[in-house]
Amino acid sequence: MAEFPPSSMREIVLEVAALLRDKAETISVAETAAGGIISAAMLSTPGASKFYKGGLTLYTLESRIAFAGWTQGNVQSYMGPTPEIVSGLAANVRKTLGSTYTLCESGTAGPTGGSQRNRTPGYVALAVATIHETYTREVETGLGGDREKNMVAFAIAALQFLRDIIHINT
């Protein structure tokens, strides 16, 4: 079996897990392009049951209707991942699971994509919802259409963003 979480993720996973445990705070996760890597990495840490409330892999638009409060109107107007979309997904999942933070990502992992910025392989929109507000960030990995590397880079960027928000909310 390959090493998990990937060595490039290990430091940020342990840092976020320690922050959540030390502050007695919780996380839930809504992932799309990262495909569950964020949740799996957080769950790989000892004591995860103290801070991990749950997660969803919302890879298809249909799964967003079933589990994240989307309507057919959301699907019909969908133009790819944006800060507004991840903000809404994060807020919905945080409210449903009652976590301190909900981390959400949606991006274009590749190898194919489009010509719009948010459809270019390596683009990801991130959100962290808290009880008071939702923060967003956009990241471009620069990894082109390398799907696996982008998925891991999306997870790392998301966890780094969560760490930053935890520090802001201290």
N, C-alpha and C. Protein backbone atom coordinates (compact mmCIF):
# COMPACT_ATOMS: atom_id res chain seq x y z
N MET A 1 0.85 -1.18 0.00
CA MET A 1 0.00 0.00 0.00
C MET A 1 0.89 1.24 0.00
N ALA A 2 0.50 2.23 -0.76
CA ALA A 2 1.23 3.50 -0.80
C ALA A 2 1.07 4.22 0.54
N GLU A 3 2.01 5.07 0.83
CA GLU A 3 1.99 5.83 2.08
C GLU A 3 0.80 6.79 2.11
N PHE A 4 0.08 6.82 3.23
CA PHE A 4 -1.06 7.72 3.35
C PHE A 4 -1.10 8.33 4.74
N PRO A 5 -1.40 9.61 4.86
CA PRO A 5 -1.57 10.52 3.73
C PRO A 5 -0.24 10.75 3.03
N PRO A 6 -0.29 11.27 1.79
CA PRO A 6 0.96 11.52 1.07
C PRO A 6 1.90 12.37 1.93
N SER A 7 3.19 12.14 1.79
CA SER A 7 4.16 12.85 2.62
C SER A 7 4.04 14.36 2.49
N SER A 8 3.65 14.85 1.32
CA SER A 8 3.50 16.30 1.14
C SER A 8 2.35 16.88 1.96
N MET A 9 1.44 16.03 2.43
CA MET A 9 0.29 16.48 3.22
C MET A 9 0.48 16.33 4.72
N ARG A 10 1.37 15.45 5.09
CA ARG A 10 1.44 15.01 6.49
C ARG A 10 1.56 16.17 7.49
N GLU A 11 2.43 17.12 7.22
CA GLU A 11 2.66 18.21 8.17
C GLU A 11 1.40 19.06 8.39
N ILE A 12 0.71 19.45 7.31
CA ILE A 12 -0.48 20.28 7.47
C ILE A 12 -1.63 19.50 8.11
N VAL A 13 -1.75 18.22 7.81
CA VAL A 13 -2.79 17.39 8.43
C VAL A 13 -2.58 17.33 9.94
N LEU A 14 -1.35 17.06 10.35
CA LEU A 14 -1.06 16.98 11.79
C LEU A 14 -1.25 18.33 12.48
N GLU A 15 -0.86 19.41 11.80
CA GLU A 15 -1.02 20.75 12.38
C GLU A 15 -2.49 21.09 12.58
N VAL A 16 -3.31 20.86 11.57
CA VAL A 16 -4.74 21.17 11.69
C VAL A 16 -5.40 20.27 12.74
N ALA A 17 -5.07 19.00 12.75
CA ALA A 17 -5.64 18.09 13.74
C ALA A 17 -5.28 18.54 15.16
N ALA A 18 -4.05 18.95 15.37
CA ALA A 18 -3.63 19.42 16.70
C ALA A 18 -4.37 20.69 17.09
N LEU A 19 -4.52 21.61 16.16
CA LEU A 19 -5.25 22.85 16.46
C LEU A 19 -6.69 22.55 16.87
N LEU A 20 -7.35 21.69 16.11
CA LEU A 20 -8.73 21.35 16.42
C LEU A 20 -8.84 20.65 17.78
N ARG A 21 -7.96 19.69 18.03
CA ARG A 21 -7.99 18.99 19.31
C ARG A 21 -7.70 19.94 20.47
N ASP A 22 -6.67 20.78 20.34
CA ASP A 22 -6.28 21.69 21.42
C ASP A 22 -7.38 22.71 21.74
N LYS A 23 -8.13 23.12 20.72
CA LYS A 23 -9.18 24.12 20.91
C LYS A 23 -10.55 23.48 21.16
N ALA A 24 -10.61 22.15 21.15
CA ALA A 24 -11.86 21.41 21.31
C ALA A 24 -12.90 21.89 20.29
N GLU A 25 -12.43 22.06 19.03
CA GLU A 25 -13.31 22.47 17.95
C GLU A 25 -13.46 21.31 16.96
N THR A 26 -14.46 21.44 16.07
CA THR A 26 -14.78 20.35 15.16
C THR A 26 -14.77 20.82 13.70
N ILE A 27 -14.65 19.84 12.82
CA ILE A 27 -14.64 20.10 11.38
C ILE A 27 -15.57 19.13 10.68
N SER A 28 -16.18 19.63 9.61
CA SER A 28 -16.84 18.79 8.62
C SER A 28 -16.28 19.21 7.27
N VAL A 29 -16.42 18.34 6.28
CA VAL A 29 -15.77 18.57 5.00
C VAL A 29 -16.75 18.29 3.86
N ALA A 30 -16.74 19.17 2.86
CA ALA A 30 -17.49 18.96 1.62
C ALA A 30 -16.48 19.07 0.48
N GLU A 31 -16.21 17.95 -0.17
CA GLU A 31 -15.19 17.91 -1.21
C GLU A 31 -15.82 17.61 -2.55
N THR A 32 -15.19 18.13 -3.60
CA THR A 32 -15.59 17.74 -4.95
C THR A 32 -14.37 17.17 -5.66
N ALA A 33 -13.52 18.02 -6.20
CA ALA A 33 -12.39 17.57 -7.01
C ALA A 33 -11.32 16.83 -6.21
N ALA A 34 -11.21 17.07 -4.91
CA ALA A 34 -10.23 16.35 -4.09
C ALA A 34 -10.68 14.91 -3.82
N GLY A 35 -11.93 14.62 -4.07
CA GLY A 35 -12.41 13.24 -4.06
C GLY A 35 -12.37 12.51 -2.74
N GLY A 36 -12.35 13.20 -1.63
CA GLY A 36 -12.33 12.54 -0.32
C GLY A 36 -10.97 12.51 0.34
N ILE A 37 -9.95 13.03 -0.33
CA ILE A 37 -8.59 13.00 0.22
C ILE A 37 -8.51 13.79 1.52
N ILE A 38 -9.19 14.93 1.60
CA ILE A 38 -9.13 15.76 2.82
C ILE A 38 -9.69 14.97 4.00
N SER A 39 -10.88 14.41 3.81
CA SER A 39 -11.49 13.63 4.90
C SER A 39 -10.63 12.44 5.29
N ALA A 40 -10.17 11.70 4.30
CA ALA A 40 -9.36 10.52 4.59
C ALA A 40 -8.09 10.90 5.35
N ALA A 41 -7.45 12.00 4.94
CA ALA A 41 -6.23 12.42 5.62
C ALA A 41 -6.51 12.82 7.06
N MET A 42 -7.59 13.56 7.28
CA MET A 42 -7.92 13.96 8.66
C MET A 42 -8.26 12.74 9.51
N LEU A 43 -8.96 11.79 8.92
CA LEU A 43 -9.33 10.58 9.66
C LEU A 43 -8.16 9.66 9.93
N SER A 44 -7.05 9.86 9.23
CA SER A 44 -5.86 9.03 9.45
C SER A 44 -5.12 9.41 10.73
N THR A 45 -5.49 10.53 11.34
CA THR A 45 -4.79 10.98 12.54
C THR A 45 -5.44 10.38 13.79
N PRO A 46 -4.63 9.96 14.76
CA PRO A 46 -5.19 9.43 16.00
C PRO A 46 -6.05 10.49 16.69
N GLY A 47 -7.18 10.06 17.23
CA GLY A 47 -8.07 10.97 17.94
C GLY A 47 -9.01 11.75 17.04
N ALA A 48 -9.12 11.36 15.76
CA ALA A 48 -9.96 12.09 14.81
C ALA A 48 -11.41 12.15 15.26
N SER A 49 -11.86 11.15 16.00
CA SER A 49 -13.27 11.15 16.43
C SER A 49 -13.59 12.31 17.36
N LYS A 50 -12.59 12.93 17.92
CA LYS A 50 -12.82 14.08 18.80
C LYS A 50 -13.09 15.36 18.01
N PHE A 51 -12.63 15.44 16.76
CA PHE A 51 -12.79 16.69 16.01
C PHE A 51 -13.48 16.55 14.65
N TYR A 52 -13.60 15.35 14.12
CA TYR A 52 -14.17 15.16 12.78
C TYR A 52 -15.65 14.79 12.88
N LYS A 53 -16.53 15.68 12.37
CA LYS A 53 -17.98 15.46 12.47
C LYS A 53 -18.55 14.71 11.27
N GLY A 54 -17.88 14.77 10.12
CA GLY A 54 -18.38 14.07 8.95
C GLY A 54 -17.96 14.75 7.68
N GLY A 55 -18.19 14.07 6.57
CA GLY A 55 -17.81 14.64 5.29
C GLY A 55 -18.62 14.08 4.15
N LEU A 56 -18.62 14.84 3.08
CA LEU A 56 -19.33 14.46 1.86
C LEU A 56 -18.39 14.64 0.67
N THR A 57 -18.46 13.71 -0.26
CA THR A 57 -17.79 13.90 -1.53
C THR A 57 -18.89 14.20 -2.54
N LEU A 58 -19.01 15.47 -2.89
CA LEU A 58 -20.09 15.96 -3.75
C LEU A 58 -19.57 16.12 -5.17
N TYR A 59 -19.18 15.01 -5.75
CA TYR A 59 -18.52 15.04 -7.05
C TYR A 59 -19.48 15.36 -8.19
N THR A 60 -20.69 14.88 -8.10
CA THR A 60 -21.66 15.13 -9.17
C THR A 60 -22.67 16.19 -8.74
N LEU A 61 -23.26 16.82 -9.73
CA LEU A 61 -24.30 17.81 -9.43
C LEU A 61 -25.49 17.13 -8.75
N GLU A 62 -25.79 15.88 -9.13
CA GLU A 62 -26.89 15.15 -8.51
C GLU A 62 -26.65 14.92 -7.02
N SER A 63 -25.39 14.68 -6.64
CA SER A 63 -25.09 14.48 -5.21
C SER A 63 -25.30 15.77 -4.43
N ARG A 64 -25.11 16.89 -5.07
CA ARG A 64 -25.33 18.18 -4.41
C ARG A 64 -26.82 18.41 -4.15
N ILE A 65 -27.67 17.91 -5.05
CA ILE A 65 -29.12 17.99 -4.82
C ILE A 65 -29.49 17.07 -3.66
N ALA A 66 -28.97 15.86 -3.67
CA ALA A 66 -29.33 14.86 -2.65
C ALA A 66 -28.83 15.21 -1.26
N PHE A 67 -27.64 15.81 -1.16
CA PHE A 67 -27.01 15.96 0.16
C PHE A 67 -26.63 17.36 0.58
N ALA A 68 -26.70 18.34 -0.33
CA ALA A 68 -26.16 19.66 0.02
C ALA A 68 -27.13 20.82 -0.22
N GLY A 69 -28.41 20.51 -0.35
CA GLY A 69 -29.39 21.58 -0.44
C GLY A 69 -29.53 22.24 -1.80
N TRP A 70 -28.94 21.64 -2.84
CA TRP A 70 -29.07 22.23 -4.17
C TRP A 70 -30.45 21.93 -4.76
N THR A 71 -30.85 22.76 -5.72
CA THR A 71 -32.09 22.56 -6.46
C THR A 71 -31.76 22.38 -7.94
N GLN A 72 -32.76 22.05 -8.73
CA GLN A 72 -32.55 21.95 -10.18
C GLN A 72 -32.09 23.30 -10.74
N GLY A 73 -32.55 24.39 -10.12
CA GLY A 73 -32.12 25.72 -10.55
C GLY A 73 -30.62 25.91 -10.41
N ASN A 74 -30.05 25.40 -9.30
CA ASN A 74 -28.60 25.47 -9.12
C ASN A 74 -27.87 24.70 -10.23
N VAL A 75 -28.39 23.53 -10.55
CA VAL A 75 -27.77 22.69 -11.57
C VAL A 75 -27.86 23.38 -12.93
N GLN A 76 -29.01 23.94 -13.26
CA GLN A 76 -29.19 24.57 -14.57
C GLN A 76 -28.32 25.81 -14.75
N SER A 77 -28.03 26.51 -13.65
CA SER A 77 -27.22 27.73 -13.77
C SER A 77 -25.73 27.49 -13.48
N TYR A 78 -25.35 26.23 -13.27
CA TYR A 78 -23.97 25.89 -12.90
C TYR A 78 -23.00 26.25 -14.02
N MET A 79 -21.96 27.01 -13.67
CA MET A 79 -20.94 27.43 -14.63
C MET A 79 -19.54 27.02 -14.17
N GLY A 80 -19.45 25.99 -13.34
CA GLY A 80 -18.16 25.56 -12.84
C GLY A 80 -17.92 26.04 -11.42
N PRO A 81 -16.81 25.62 -10.82
CA PRO A 81 -16.51 25.97 -9.43
C PRO A 81 -16.25 27.47 -9.27
N THR A 82 -16.84 28.04 -8.23
CA THR A 82 -16.63 29.46 -7.91
C THR A 82 -16.63 29.63 -6.40
N PRO A 83 -16.11 30.75 -5.91
CA PRO A 83 -16.18 31.01 -4.47
C PRO A 83 -17.62 31.02 -3.95
N GLU A 84 -18.55 31.49 -4.75
CA GLU A 84 -19.95 31.53 -4.31
C GLU A 84 -20.51 30.12 -4.13
N ILE A 85 -20.15 29.23 -5.03
CA ILE A 85 -20.64 27.85 -4.94
C ILE A 85 -20.08 27.16 -3.70
N VAL A 86 -18.77 27.25 -3.49
CA VAL A 86 -18.20 26.56 -2.32
C VAL A 86 -18.67 27.20 -1.02
N SER A 87 -18.90 28.50 -1.04
CA SER A 87 -19.41 29.19 0.14
C SER A 87 -20.78 28.63 0.53
N GLY A 88 -21.65 28.48 -0.45
CA GLY A 88 -22.98 27.93 -0.19
C GLY A 88 -22.94 26.49 0.28
N LEU A 89 -22.11 25.67 -0.37
CA LEU A 89 -21.97 24.27 0.05
C LEU A 89 -21.45 24.18 1.48
N ALA A 90 -20.42 24.96 1.79
CA ALA A 90 -19.83 24.92 3.13
C ALA A 90 -20.84 25.36 4.19
N ALA A 91 -21.57 26.42 3.94
CA ALA A 91 -22.55 26.91 4.91
C ALA A 91 -23.65 25.88 5.14
N ASN A 92 -24.10 25.23 4.07
CA ASN A 92 -25.15 24.22 4.19
C ASN A 92 -24.68 23.02 5.01
N VAL A 93 -23.49 22.53 4.71
CA VAL A 93 -22.98 21.36 5.43
C VAL A 93 -22.68 21.71 6.89
N ARG A 94 -22.14 22.90 7.16
CA ARG A 94 -21.86 23.31 8.54
C ARG A 94 -23.15 23.36 9.35
N LYS A 95 -24.17 23.91 8.77
CA LYS A 95 -25.47 23.98 9.46
C LYS A 95 -26.03 22.58 9.73
N THR A 96 -25.91 21.70 8.76
CA THR A 96 -26.44 20.35 8.90
C THR A 96 -25.68 19.54 9.94
N LEU A 97 -24.35 19.62 9.94
CA LEU A 97 -23.54 18.80 10.84
C LEU A 97 -23.17 19.50 12.15
N GLY A 98 -23.38 20.81 12.23
CA GLY A 98 -23.13 21.53 13.47
C GLY A 98 -21.67 21.59 13.88
N SER A 99 -20.78 21.61 12.91
CA SER A 99 -19.35 21.68 13.22
C SER A 99 -18.92 23.13 13.43
N THR A 100 -17.79 23.30 14.10
CA THR A 100 -17.21 24.63 14.27
C THR A 100 -16.84 25.21 12.92
N TYR A 101 -16.25 24.38 12.07
CA TYR A 101 -15.81 24.78 10.74
C TYR A 101 -16.27 23.74 9.73
N THR A 102 -16.63 24.21 8.54
CA THR A 102 -16.79 23.30 7.40
C THR A 102 -15.87 23.78 6.31
N LEU A 103 -15.04 22.87 5.83
CA LEU A 103 -14.10 23.12 4.76
C LEU A 103 -14.68 22.56 3.48
N CYS A 104 -14.70 23.39 2.43
CA CYS A 104 -15.23 22.94 1.14
C CYS A 104 -14.27 23.33 0.03
N GLU A 105 -14.13 22.46 -0.94
CA GLU A 105 -13.34 22.76 -2.13
C GLU A 105 -14.09 22.29 -3.36
N SER A 106 -13.90 23.01 -4.46
CA SER A 106 -14.40 22.58 -5.75
C SER A 106 -13.46 23.15 -6.81
N GLY A 107 -12.98 22.28 -7.68
CA GLY A 107 -12.00 22.73 -8.65
C GLY A 107 -12.01 21.90 -9.91
N THR A 108 -11.02 22.14 -10.72
CA THR A 108 -10.83 21.41 -11.97
C THR A 108 -9.47 20.71 -11.88
N ALA A 109 -9.53 19.40 -11.62
CA ALA A 109 -8.29 18.64 -11.40
C ALA A 109 -7.60 18.26 -12.71
N GLY A 110 -8.34 18.18 -13.78
CA GLY A 110 -7.74 17.79 -15.06
C GLY A 110 -8.01 16.33 -15.35
N PRO A 111 -7.50 15.78 -16.39
CA PRO A 111 -6.54 16.39 -17.29
C PRO A 111 -7.17 17.41 -18.25
N THR A 112 -8.49 17.34 -18.43
CA THR A 112 -9.13 18.29 -19.34
C THR A 112 -9.79 19.40 -18.54
N GLY A 113 -10.23 20.41 -19.23
CA GLY A 113 -10.90 21.53 -18.60
C GLY A 113 -11.43 22.45 -19.68
N GLY A 114 -11.49 23.72 -19.36
CA GLY A 114 -12.01 24.68 -20.31
C GLY A 114 -11.12 25.90 -20.38
N SER A 115 -11.61 26.92 -21.06
CA SER A 115 -10.81 28.13 -21.24
C SER A 115 -11.08 29.18 -20.17
N GLN A 116 -12.21 29.08 -19.48
CA GLN A 116 -12.48 30.02 -18.39
C GLN A 116 -11.55 29.70 -17.23
N ARG A 117 -11.18 30.72 -16.47
CA ARG A 117 -10.24 30.54 -15.35
C ARG A 117 -10.67 29.40 -14.44
N ASN A 118 -11.95 29.36 -14.05
CA ASN A 118 -12.42 28.36 -13.10
C ASN A 118 -12.60 26.97 -13.72
N ARG A 119 -12.36 26.86 -15.00
CA ARG A 119 -12.44 25.56 -15.69
C ARG A 119 -11.06 25.09 -16.15
N THR A 120 -10.03 25.83 -15.79
CA THR A 120 -8.67 25.49 -16.17
C THR A 120 -8.11 24.47 -15.17
N PRO A 121 -7.52 23.37 -15.64
CA PRO A 121 -6.94 22.41 -14.70
C PRO A 121 -5.96 23.09 -13.74
N GLY A 122 -6.13 22.78 -12.47
CA GLY A 122 -5.29 23.37 -11.43
C GLY A 122 -5.99 24.47 -10.65
N TYR A 123 -7.18 24.88 -11.09
CA TYR A 123 -7.94 25.91 -10.36
C TYR A 123 -8.80 25.24 -9.30
N VAL A 124 -8.85 25.86 -8.11
CA VAL A 124 -9.75 25.39 -7.06
C VAL A 124 -10.28 26.59 -6.27
N ALA A 125 -11.57 26.53 -5.96
CA ALA A 125 -12.21 27.50 -5.08
C ALA A 125 -12.37 26.83 -3.72
N LEU A 126 -12.03 27.57 -2.66
CA LEU A 126 -12.07 27.05 -1.30
C LEU A 126 -13.01 27.89 -0.45
N ALA A 127 -13.63 27.27 0.54
CA ALA A 127 -14.44 28.00 1.51
C ALA A 127 -14.30 27.34 2.87
N VAL A 128 -14.34 28.18 3.90
CA VAL A 128 -14.44 27.71 5.28
C VAL A 128 -15.61 28.45 5.91
N ALA A 129 -16.61 27.69 6.30
CA ALA A 129 -17.78 28.28 6.96
C ALA A 129 -17.61 28.15 8.46
N THR A 130 -17.92 29.24 9.17
CA THR A 130 -17.97 29.24 10.63
C THR A 130 -19.37 29.67 11.03
N ILE A 131 -19.65 29.70 12.30
CA ILE A 131 -20.97 30.11 12.74
C ILE A 131 -21.26 31.57 12.39
N HIS A 132 -20.22 32.39 12.28
CA HIS A 132 -20.41 33.82 12.05
C HIS A 132 -20.27 34.25 10.60
N GLU A 133 -19.39 33.62 9.85
CA GLU A 133 -19.20 34.00 8.45
C GLU A 133 -18.52 32.88 7.68
N THR A 134 -18.49 33.08 6.36
CA THR A 134 -17.82 32.13 5.48
C THR A 134 -16.72 32.86 4.71
N TYR A 135 -15.54 32.27 4.74
CA TYR A 135 -14.36 32.83 4.08
C TYR A 135 -14.11 32.06 2.79
N THR A 136 -13.61 32.74 1.76
CA THR A 136 -13.30 32.06 0.51
C THR A 136 -11.90 32.44 0.03
N ARG A 137 -11.36 31.57 -0.81
CA ARG A 137 -10.04 31.79 -1.42
C ARG A 137 -10.02 31.02 -2.74
N GLU A 138 -9.32 31.56 -3.72
CA GLU A 138 -9.11 30.86 -4.98
C GLU A 138 -7.62 30.56 -5.11
N VAL A 139 -7.31 29.38 -5.62
CA VAL A 139 -5.93 28.93 -5.77
C VAL A 139 -5.75 28.34 -7.16
N GLU A 140 -4.60 28.59 -7.74
CA GLU A 140 -4.20 27.93 -8.98
C GLU A 140 -2.89 27.21 -8.69
N THR A 141 -2.89 25.90 -8.89
CA THR A 141 -1.74 25.09 -8.49
C THR A 141 -0.55 25.22 -9.44
N GLY A 142 -0.79 25.54 -10.69
CA GLY A 142 0.29 25.59 -11.67
C GLY A 142 0.74 24.22 -12.13
N LEU A 143 -0.05 23.19 -11.82
CA LEU A 143 0.34 21.81 -12.15
C LEU A 143 -0.26 21.31 -13.45
N GLY A 144 -0.91 22.20 -14.19
CA GLY A 144 -1.50 21.79 -15.46
C GLY A 144 -2.54 20.71 -15.27
N GLY A 145 -2.58 19.77 -16.19
CA GLY A 145 -3.60 18.73 -16.17
C GLY A 145 -3.26 17.48 -15.40
N ASP A 146 -2.26 17.52 -14.51
CA ASP A 146 -1.90 16.33 -13.72
C ASP A 146 -2.95 16.13 -12.62
N ARG A 147 -3.92 15.30 -12.91
CA ARG A 147 -5.08 15.10 -12.04
C ARG A 147 -4.70 14.72 -10.60
N GLU A 148 -3.88 13.71 -10.43
CA GLU A 148 -3.53 13.24 -9.09
C GLU A 148 -2.79 14.32 -8.30
N LYS A 149 -1.82 14.97 -8.93
CA LYS A 149 -1.08 16.02 -8.23
C LYS A 149 -2.00 17.18 -7.88
N ASN A 150 -2.92 17.54 -8.77
CA ASN A 150 -3.86 18.61 -8.45
C ASN A 150 -4.77 18.23 -7.29
N MET A 151 -5.23 17.00 -7.25
CA MET A 151 -6.11 16.58 -6.15
C MET A 151 -5.40 16.74 -4.80
N VAL A 152 -4.16 16.30 -4.73
CA VAL A 152 -3.39 16.45 -3.49
C VAL A 152 -3.12 17.92 -3.20
N ALA A 153 -2.77 18.69 -4.23
CA ALA A 153 -2.52 20.12 -4.03
C ALA A 153 -3.78 20.85 -3.56
N PHE A 154 -4.94 20.46 -4.08
CA PHE A 154 -6.20 21.06 -3.63
C PHE A 154 -6.41 20.77 -2.14
N ALA A 155 -6.15 19.53 -1.74
CA ALA A 155 -6.32 19.15 -0.33
C ALA A 155 -5.36 19.93 0.57
N ILE A 156 -4.12 20.07 0.15
CA ILE A 156 -3.14 20.82 0.94
C ILE A 156 -3.55 22.28 1.05
N ALA A 157 -3.92 22.88 -0.08
CA ALA A 157 -4.34 24.30 -0.07
C ALA A 157 -5.57 24.50 0.83
N ALA A 158 -6.49 23.55 0.78
CA ALA A 158 -7.69 23.65 1.61
C ALA A 158 -7.34 23.58 3.10
N LEU A 159 -6.48 22.65 3.46
CA LEU A 159 -6.09 22.52 4.87
C LEU A 159 -5.28 23.73 5.34
N GLN A 160 -4.44 24.28 4.47
CA GLN A 160 -3.70 25.50 4.83
C GLN A 160 -4.67 26.66 5.05
N PHE A 161 -5.68 26.76 4.21
CA PHE A 161 -6.69 27.80 4.36
C PHE A 161 -7.45 27.61 5.67
N LEU A 162 -7.84 26.38 5.98
CA LEU A 162 -8.52 26.10 7.24
C LEU A 162 -7.64 26.51 8.42
N ARG A 163 -6.37 26.15 8.38
CA ARG A 163 -5.44 26.55 9.44
C ARG A 163 -5.44 28.06 9.61
N ASP A 164 -5.38 28.79 8.52
CA ASP A 164 -5.37 30.26 8.59
C ASP A 164 -6.65 30.79 9.24
N ILE A 165 -7.78 30.19 8.89
CA ILE A 165 -9.07 30.64 9.46
C ILE A 165 -9.16 30.28 10.94
N ILE A 166 -8.66 29.13 11.33
CA ILE A 166 -8.64 28.78 12.75
C ILE A 166 -7.84 29.83 13.53
N HIS A 167 -6.70 30.23 12.99
CA HIS A 167 -5.89 31.26 13.67
C HIS A 167 -6.61 32.61 13.73
N ILE A 168 -7.31 32.98 12.67
CA ILE A 168 -8.08 34.24 12.66
C ILE A 168 -9.17 34.21 13.74
N ASN A 169 -9.76 33.05 13.96
CA ASN A 169 -10.88 32.92 14.88
C ASN A 169 -10.45 32.57 16.30
N THR A 170 -9.18 32.78 16.61
CA THR A 170 -8.69 32.49 17.96
C THR A 170 -8.93 33.67 18.87
